[in-house]
Amino acid sequence: MIQLRNTPDRRTAGRTLLITVLLAAAVVPAAAAAPQAPAAPATVRSTASAPAYQQVAHFYGAYIDAAGTEGGGKLTTALRAFYLTPALRSQLRTWEARNHADGVLRAQNTPLAFKVTARDSGAGHTWSKVRLTWNGGKHPTYTYLTVQSDLRTGKISGIR
């Protein structure tokens, strides 16, 4: 279980992680263009370096930071491109046009905190439960999302 709150220190860490990811994404195409020796046959294994629920937590942490800042639209788009499957990005565009809200958060504003819990796995997928906290105090309001990830790629492939 991973639980984070929007605090200045976490935002800084999230932005640092995001910048690292974006810089790595910019370097990879340049390295791919360089001539390379033939590779040995690859074994089949997950390309995700972290368990799927941790990937979901990384995504939601960075996404909430980006969505909560002025001008964060380019960052949220980059995060969606990196963490979400193309099919899910298409589904989210349709959902957002119909509902006039952010499809990743299923809301029009940004939550104060989130918590990700690992759930079941099967048939090449795993599910995480994401709890979004919308206000603090004695009686916080929560919404819950079920997030599906592809075990082979680690990409998020569904949000309900």
C-alpha atoms as a PDB file:
ATOM      1  CA  MET A   1       0.000   0.000   0.000  1.00  0.00           C
ATOM      2  CA  ILE A   2       1.319   3.404  -0.965  1.00  0.00           C
ATOM      3  CA  GLN A   3      -0.210   6.552   0.449  1.00  0.00           C
ATOM      4  CA  LEU A   4       0.903  10.070  -0.337  1.00  0.00           C
ATOM      5  CA  ARG A   5      -0.360  13.553   0.417  1.00  0.00           C
ATOM      6  CA  ASN A   6       0.168  16.714  -1.575  1.00  0.00           C
ATOM      7  CA  THR A   7       2.859  18.484   0.421  1.00  0.00           C
ATOM      8  CA  PRO A   8       5.608  20.796  -0.819  1.00  0.00           C
ATOM      9  CA  ASP A   9       8.276  18.125  -0.210  1.00  0.00           C
ATOM     10  CA  ARG A  10       6.361  15.411  -2.102  1.00  0.00           C
ATOM     11  CA  ARG A  11       5.621  17.768  -4.983  1.00  0.00           C
ATOM     12  CA  THR A  12       9.327  18.451  -5.325  1.00  0.00           C
ATOM     13  CA  ALA A  13      10.085  14.736  -5.306  1.00  0.00           C
ATOM     14  CA  GLY A  14       7.313  14.108  -7.834  1.00  0.00           C
ATOM     15  CA  ARG A  15       8.608  16.792 -10.131  1.00  0.00           C
ATOM     16  CA  THR A  16      12.136  15.435  -9.830  1.00  0.00           C
ATOM     17  CA  LEU A  17      10.852  11.986 -10.781  1.00  0.00           C
ATOM     18  CA  LEU A  18       8.885  13.453 -13.677  1.00  0.00           C
ATOM     19  CA  ILE A  19      11.867  15.414 -14.991  1.00  0.00           C
ATOM     20  CA  THR A  20      14.017  12.282 -14.772  1.00  0.00           C
ATOM     21  CA  VAL A  21      11.430  10.278 -16.726  1.00  0.00           C
ATOM     22  CA  LEU A  22      11.042  12.968 -19.385  1.00  0.00           C
ATOM     23  CA  LEU A  23      14.808  13.330 -19.775  1.00  0.00           C
ATOM     24  CA  ALA A  24      15.178   9.558 -20.068  1.00  0.00           C
ATOM     25  CA  ALA A  25      12.437   9.531 -22.714  1.00  0.00           C
ATOM     26  CA  ALA A  26      14.335  12.191 -24.673  1.00  0.00           C
ATOM     27  CA  VAL A  27      17.637  10.273 -24.467  1.00  0.00           C
ATOM     28  CA  VAL A  28      16.244   6.856 -25.464  1.00  0.00           C
ATOM     29  CA  PRO A  29      15.294   7.833 -29.057  1.00  0.00           C
ATOM     30  CA  ALA A  30      18.782   9.287 -29.606  1.00  0.00           C
ATOM     31  CA  ALA A  31      20.422   6.117 -28.297  1.00  0.00           C
ATOM     32  CA  ALA A  32      18.104   3.952 -30.415  1.00  0.00           C
ATOM     33  CA  ALA A  33      19.232   5.766 -33.576  1.00  0.00           C
ATOM     34  CA  ALA A  34      22.885   4.832 -32.981  1.00  0.00           C
ATOM     35  CA  PRO A  35      24.117   1.680 -34.755  1.00  0.00           C
ATOM     36  CA  GLN A  36      24.196  -1.322 -32.461  1.00  0.00           C
ATOM     37  CA  ALA A  37      25.482  -4.858 -32.619  1.00  0.00           C
ATOM     38  CA  PRO A  38      22.864  -7.597 -33.115  1.00  0.00           C
ATOM     39  CA  ALA A  39      21.225  -8.471 -29.835  1.00  0.00           C
ATOM     40  CA  ALA A  40      20.984 -11.939 -28.362  1.00  0.00           C
ATOM     41  CA  PRO A  41      17.501 -13.478 -28.315  1.00  0.00           C
ATOM     42  CA  ALA A  42      15.474 -11.829 -25.600  1.00  0.00           C
ATOM     43  CA  THR A  43      13.788 -13.735 -22.845  1.00  0.00           C
ATOM     44  CA  VAL A  44      10.171 -12.985 -22.098  1.00  0.00           C
ATOM     45  CA  ARG A  45       9.834 -11.030 -18.863  1.00  0.00           C
ATOM     46  CA  SER A  46       8.182  -7.930 -17.569  1.00  0.00           C
ATOM     47  CA  THR A  47       9.610  -4.637 -18.822  1.00  0.00           C
ATOM     48  CA  ALA A  48       8.300  -2.881 -15.734  1.00  0.00           C
ATOM     49  CA  SER A  49      10.969  -2.586 -13.067  1.00  0.00           C
ATOM     50  CA  ALA A  50       8.477  -2.114 -10.232  1.00  0.00           C
ATOM     51  CA  PRO A  51       5.337  -4.021  -9.255  1.00  0.00           C
ATOM     52  CA  ALA A  52       2.291  -2.763 -11.135  1.00  0.00           C
ATOM     53  CA  TYR A  53       0.677  -1.130  -8.113  1.00  0.00           C
ATOM     54  CA  GLN A  54       3.886   0.887  -7.581  1.00  0.00           C
ATOM     55  CA  GLN A  55       3.768   1.989 -11.225  1.00  0.00           C
ATOM     56  CA  VAL A  56       0.172   3.100 -10.622  1.00  0.00           C
ATOM     57  CA  ALA A  57       1.282   5.018  -7.512  1.00  0.00           C
ATOM     58  CA  HIS A  58       4.129   6.685  -9.426  1.00  0.00           C
ATOM     59  CA  PHE A  59       1.710   7.688 -12.167  1.00  0.00           C
ATOM     60  CA  TYR A  60      -0.968   9.084  -9.854  1.00  0.00           C
ATOM     61  CA  GLY A  61       1.593  10.956  -7.725  1.00  0.00           C
ATOM     62  CA  ALA A  62       3.169  12.676 -10.716  1.00  0.00           C
ATOM     63  CA  TYR A  63      -0.180  13.188 -12.466  1.00  0.00           C
ATOM     64  CA  ILE A  64      -1.816  14.843  -9.439  1.00  0.00           C
ATOM     65  CA  ASP A  65       1.228  17.104  -9.045  1.00  0.00           C
ATOM     66  CA  ALA A  66       1.092  18.107 -12.706  1.00  0.00           C
ATOM     67  CA  ALA A  67      -2.699  18.529 -12.808  1.00  0.00           C
ATOM     68  CA  GLY A  68      -2.585  20.681  -9.675  1.00  0.00           C
ATOM     69  CA  THR A  69      -0.154  23.207 -11.118  1.00  0.00           C
ATOM     70  CA  GLU A  70      -0.861  26.017 -13.534  1.00  0.00           C
ATOM     71  CA  GLY A  71       0.281  25.072 -17.009  1.00  0.00           C
ATOM     72  CA  GLY A  72       0.582  21.382 -16.125  1.00  0.00           C
ATOM     73  CA  GLY A  73      -1.275  20.276 -19.265  1.00  0.00           C
ATOM     74  CA  LYS A  74       1.884  19.379 -21.183  1.00  0.00           C
ATOM     75  CA  LEU A  75       3.133  17.346 -18.231  1.00  0.00           C
ATOM     76  CA  THR A  76      -0.138  15.434 -17.851  1.00  0.00           C
ATOM     77  CA  THR A  77      -0.064  14.661 -21.572  1.00  0.00           C
ATOM     78  CA  ALA A  78       3.526  13.388 -21.307  1.00  0.00           C
ATOM     79  CA  LEU A  79       2.645  11.276 -18.278  1.00  0.00           C
ATOM     80  CA  ARG A  80      -0.336   9.769 -20.089  1.00  0.00           C
ATOM     81  CA  ALA A  81       1.881   8.928 -23.066  1.00  0.00           C
ATOM     82  CA  PHE A  82       4.457   7.241 -20.830  1.00  0.00           C
ATOM     83  CA  TYR A  83       2.223   5.325 -18.380  1.00  0.00           C
ATOM     84  CA  LEU A  84      -1.021   4.599 -20.301  1.00  0.00           C
ATOM     85  CA  THR A  85      -1.697   2.310 -23.247  1.00  0.00           C
ATOM     86  CA  PRO A  86      -2.783   3.975 -26.518  1.00  0.00           C
ATOM     87  CA  ALA A  87      -6.201   2.266 -26.255  1.00  0.00           C
ATOM     88  CA  LEU A  88      -6.778   3.696 -22.775  1.00  0.00           C
ATOM     89  CA  ARG A  89      -5.726   7.180 -23.896  1.00  0.00           C
ATOM     90  CA  SER A  90      -8.335   6.959 -26.650  1.00  0.00           C
ATOM     91  CA  GLN A  91     -11.020   5.766 -24.210  1.00  0.00           C
ATOM     92  CA  LEU A  92     -10.169   8.629 -21.845  1.00  0.00           C
ATOM     93  CA  ARG A  93     -10.532  11.231 -24.616  1.00  0.00           C
ATOM     94  CA  THR A  94     -14.022   9.881 -25.364  1.00  0.00           C
ATOM     95  CA  TRP A  95     -14.982   9.782 -21.670  1.00  0.00           C
ATOM     96  CA  GLU A  96     -13.664  13.317 -21.106  1.00  0.00           C
ATOM     97  CA  ALA A  97     -15.579  14.754 -24.067  1.00  0.00           C
ATOM     98  CA  ARG A  98     -18.790  13.185 -22.766  1.00  0.00           C
ATOM     99  CA  ASN A  99     -18.301  14.041 -19.070  1.00  0.00           C
ATOM    100  CA  HIS A 100     -16.336  17.335 -19.198  1.00  0.00           C
ATOM    101  CA  ALA A 101     -13.930  16.112 -16.515  1.00  0.00           C
ATOM    102  CA  ASP A 102     -10.469  14.578 -16.212  1.00  0.00           C
ATOM    103  CA  GLY A 103     -10.769  10.880 -17.062  1.00  0.00           C
ATOM    104  CA  VAL A 104      -7.744   9.806 -15.013  1.00  0.00           C
ATOM    105  CA  LEU A 105      -9.162  11.370 -11.836  1.00  0.00           C
ATOM    106  CA  ARG A 106     -12.824  11.067 -12.854  1.00  0.00           C
ATOM    107  CA  ALA A 107     -13.281  14.617 -11.568  1.00  0.00           C
ATOM    108  CA  GLN A 108     -13.065  18.280 -12.503  1.00  0.00           C
ATOM    109  CA  ASN A 109     -10.567  19.183  -9.777  1.00  0.00           C
ATOM    110  CA  THR A 110      -7.467  17.737  -8.112  1.00  0.00           C
ATOM    111  CA  PRO A 111      -7.554  15.534  -4.970  1.00  0.00           C
ATOM    112  CA  LEU A 112      -5.631  16.379  -1.801  1.00  0.00           C
ATOM    113  CA  ALA A 113      -4.183  12.875  -1.422  1.00  0.00           C
ATOM    114  CA  PHE A 114      -4.302   9.369  -2.825  1.00  0.00           C
ATOM    115  CA  LYS A 115      -3.621   5.801  -1.736  1.00  0.00           C
ATOM    116  CA  VAL A 116      -2.899   2.796  -3.964  1.00  0.00           C
ATOM    117  CA  THR A 117      -3.529  -0.774  -2.833  1.00  0.00           C
ATOM    118  CA  ALA A 118      -2.614  -3.920  -4.783  1.00  0.00           C
ATOM    119  CA  ARG A 119      -5.545  -6.162  -5.735  1.00  0.00           C
ATOM    120  CA  ASP A 120      -5.959  -9.375  -7.764  1.00  0.00           C
ATOM    121  CA  SER A 121      -4.006 -10.516 -10.819  1.00  0.00           C
ATOM    122  CA  GLY A 122      -4.876 -12.862 -13.638  1.00  0.00           C
ATOM    123  CA  ALA A 123      -4.832 -13.381 -17.402  1.00  0.00           C
ATOM    124  CA  GLY A 124      -1.822 -11.095 -17.856  1.00  0.00           C
ATOM    125  CA  HIS A 125      -3.330  -8.182 -15.916  1.00  0.00           C
ATOM    126  CA  THR A 126      -3.335  -6.897 -12.369  1.00  0.00           C
ATOM    127  CA  TRP A 127      -5.684  -4.503 -10.642  1.00  0.00           C
ATOM    128  CA  SER A 128      -5.024  -1.772  -8.105  1.00  0.00           C
ATOM    129  CA  LYS A 129      -7.479   0.170  -5.984  1.00  0.00           C
ATOM    130  CA  VAL A 130      -6.876   3.920  -5.943  1.00  0.00           C
ATOM    131  CA  ARG A 131      -8.498   5.972  -3.196  1.00  0.00           C
ATOM    132  CA  LEU A 132      -8.634   9.715  -3.889  1.00  0.00           C
ATOM    133  CA  THR A 133      -9.136  12.055  -0.921  1.00  0.00           C
ATOM    134  CA  TRP A 134     -11.026  15.244  -1.760  1.00  0.00           C
ATOM    135  CA  ASN A 135     -11.110  17.131   1.536  1.00  0.00           C
ATOM    136  CA  GLY A 136      -9.466  16.891   4.919  1.00  0.00           C
ATOM    137  CA  GLY A 137     -10.677  17.282   8.453  1.00  0.00           C
ATOM    138  CA  LYS A 138     -12.755  14.922  10.527  1.00  0.00           C
ATOM    139  CA  HIS A 139     -14.984  13.800   7.643  1.00  0.00           C
ATOM    140  CA  PRO A 140     -12.920  13.405   4.460  1.00  0.00           C
ATOM    141  CA  THR A 141     -14.602  12.530   1.181  1.00  0.00           C
ATOM    142  CA  TYR A 142     -13.188   9.651  -0.876  1.00  0.00           C
ATOM    143  CA  THR A 143     -13.704   8.262  -4.343  1.00  0.00           C
ATOM    144  CA  TYR A 144     -12.377   4.892  -5.430  1.00  0.00           C
ATOM    145  CA  LEU A 145     -11.025   3.808  -8.805  1.00  0.00           C
ATOM    146  CA  THR A 146     -10.084   0.368 -10.080  1.00  0.00           C
ATOM    147  CA  VAL A 147      -6.969   0.599 -12.241  1.00  0.00           C
ATOM    148  CA  GLN A 148      -5.973  -2.259 -14.553  1.00  0.00           C
ATOM    149  CA  SER A 149      -2.326  -2.741 -15.577  1.00  0.00           C
ATOM    150  CA  ASP A 150      -0.726  -5.018 -18.147  1.00  0.00           C
ATOM    151  CA  LEU A 151       1.748  -7.322 -16.380  1.00  0.00           C
ATOM    152  CA  ARG A 152       4.021  -7.638 -19.416  1.00  0.00           C
ATOM    153  CA  THR A 153       4.500  -3.925 -20.076  1.00  0.00           C
ATOM    154  CA  GLY A 154       3.541  -2.366 -16.750  1.00  0.00           C
ATOM    155  CA  LYS A 155       1.354   0.136 -18.628  1.00  0.00           C
ATOM    156  CA  ILE A 156      -2.030   1.135 -17.246  1.00  0.00           C
ATOM    157  CA  SER A 157      -4.714  -0.267 -19.545  1.00  0.00           C
ATOM    158  CA  GLY A 158      -7.982   0.548 -17.757  1.00  0.00           C
ATOM    159  CA  ILE A 159      -9.504   2.962 -15.233  1.00  0.00           C
ATOM    160  CA  ARG A 160     -12.985   2.438 -13.769  1.00  0.00           C
END
